[in-house]
Protein backbone atom coordinates (compact mmCIF):
# COMPACT_ATOMS: atom_id res chain seq x y z
CA UNK A 1 -38.93 13.94 39.79
CA UNK A 2 -35.46 15.33 40.55
CA UNK A 3 -36.56 18.76 39.39
CA UNK A 4 -40.16 18.57 40.56
CA UNK A 5 -39.56 17.88 44.27
CA UNK A 6 -37.13 20.78 44.92
CA UNK A 7 -39.30 23.12 42.86
CA UNK A 8 -42.43 22.21 44.88
CA UNK A 9 -40.60 22.60 48.20
CA UNK A 10 -39.14 25.94 47.13
CA UNK A 11 -42.49 27.11 45.87
CA UNK A 12 -44.27 26.29 49.13
CA UNK A 13 -41.56 27.93 51.21
CA UNK A 14 -41.53 30.95 48.90
CA UNK A 15 -45.28 31.42 49.19
CA UNK A 16 -44.91 31.37 52.97
CA UNK A 17 -42.26 34.10 52.73
CA UNK A 18 -44.36 36.27 50.40
CA UNK A 19 -47.46 35.86 52.55
CA UNK A 20 -45.59 36.65 55.76
CA UNK A 21 -44.04 39.71 54.18
CA UNK A 22 -47.44 40.96 53.00
CA UNK A 23 -48.83 40.18 56.46
CA UNK A 24 -46.33 42.62 57.96
CA UNK A 25 -47.72 45.39 55.77
CA UNK A 26 -51.29 44.45 56.68
CA UNK A 27 -50.40 44.75 60.36
CA UNK A 28 -48.56 48.00 59.76
CA UNK A 29 -51.59 49.42 57.98
CA UNK A 30 -53.70 48.55 61.03
CA UNK A 31 -51.27 50.48 63.24
CA UNK A 32 -51.27 53.49 60.90
CA UNK A 33 -54.83 53.81 59.57
CA UNK A 34 -54.26 57.22 57.97
CA UNK A 35 -51.65 55.71 55.64
CA UNK A 36 -53.48 52.41 55.15
CA UNK A 37 -53.75 52.35 51.36
CA UNK A 38 -50.20 53.44 50.49
CA UNK A 39 -48.81 50.93 53.00
CA UNK A 40 -50.95 48.12 51.60
CA UNK A 41 -49.97 49.09 48.06
CA UNK A 42 -46.25 48.98 48.84
CA UNK A 43 -46.64 45.64 50.60
CA UNK A 44 -48.70 44.07 47.85
CA UNK A 45 -46.53 45.25 44.99
CA UNK A 46 -43.22 44.43 46.68
CA UNK A 47 -44.42 40.92 47.61
CA UNK A 48 -45.73 40.37 44.09
CA UNK A 49 -42.46 41.70 42.63
CA UNK A 50 -40.51 39.15 44.69
CA UNK A 51 -42.87 36.44 43.49
CA UNK A 52 -42.51 37.51 39.87
CA UNK A 53 -38.74 37.59 40.25
CA UNK A 54 -38.87 34.04 41.59
CA UNK A 55 -40.97 32.88 38.65
CA UNK A 56 -38.75 34.59 36.09
CA UNK A 57 -35.44 33.51 37.59
CA UNK A 58 -36.34 29.82 37.35
CA UNK A 59 -35.91 29.97 33.60
CA UNK A 60 -32.53 31.72 33.81
CA UNK A 61 -30.45 29.70 36.26
CA UNK A 62 -30.63 27.69 39.44
CA UNK A 63 -28.13 30.01 41.13
CA UNK A 64 -30.31 33.04 40.46
CA UNK A 65 -33.30 31.09 41.73
CA UNK A 66 -31.47 30.39 45.01
CA UNK A 67 -30.44 34.05 45.28
CA UNK A 68 -34.05 35.21 44.89
CA UNK A 69 -35.13 32.66 47.52
CA UNK A 70 -32.56 33.97 49.98
CA UNK A 71 -33.59 37.54 49.17
CA UNK A 72 -37.25 36.69 49.83
CA UNK A 73 -36.42 35.25 53.24
CA UNK A 74 -34.19 38.24 54.02
CA UNK A 75 -37.18 40.52 53.37
CA UNK A 76 -39.33 38.32 55.62
CA UNK A 77 -36.78 38.33 58.44
CA UNK A 78 -36.42 42.12 58.18
CA UNK A 79 -40.21 42.49 58.37
CA UNK A 80 -40.41 40.21 61.42
CA UNK A 81 -37.67 42.10 63.23
CA UNK A 82 -39.25 45.46 62.42
CA UNK A 83 -42.68 44.22 63.51
CA UNK A 84 -41.26 43.09 66.84
CA UNK A 85 -39.76 46.53 67.39
CA UNK A 86 -43.03 48.28 66.45
CA UNK A 87 -45.35 46.06 68.48
CA UNK A 88 -47.38 48.25 70.86
CA UNK A 89 -47.87 45.44 73.38
CA UNK A 90 -44.53 43.69 73.16
CA UNK A 91 -44.01 43.77 76.93
CA UNK A 92 -47.16 41.71 77.48
CA UNK A 93 -46.37 39.20 74.73
CA UNK A 94 -44.94 36.04 76.24
CA UNK A 95 -43.43 34.91 72.93
CA UNK A 96 -40.94 37.80 72.83
CA UNK A 97 -39.65 37.44 76.37
CA UNK A 98 -36.29 35.87 77.01
CA UNK A 99 -35.89 34.06 80.29
CA UNK A 100 -32.52 33.25 81.78
CA UNK A 101 -32.38 30.73 84.56
CA UNK A 102 -30.15 31.54 87.48
């Protein structure tokens, strides 16, 4: 149980990171339809490479497993920040506005 619970939690969080990262590439391919297939290919293979690295690092060491987890979330955060910058309707999106009260 001591190994199972952290592994399940890490696995669920990791799958969210891989899916979100691939989702960025799906959205990017919608913005750039002429380059759709290369963009989707890069997104799919890079997300699956992170997932494979996660699976392989579990057998090596817990420290490497944590490093791959942090790397996966770093990729996700970078994709989110880039997607916010690329968004064609960011000005109309209420979720990206910052309000300061006076």
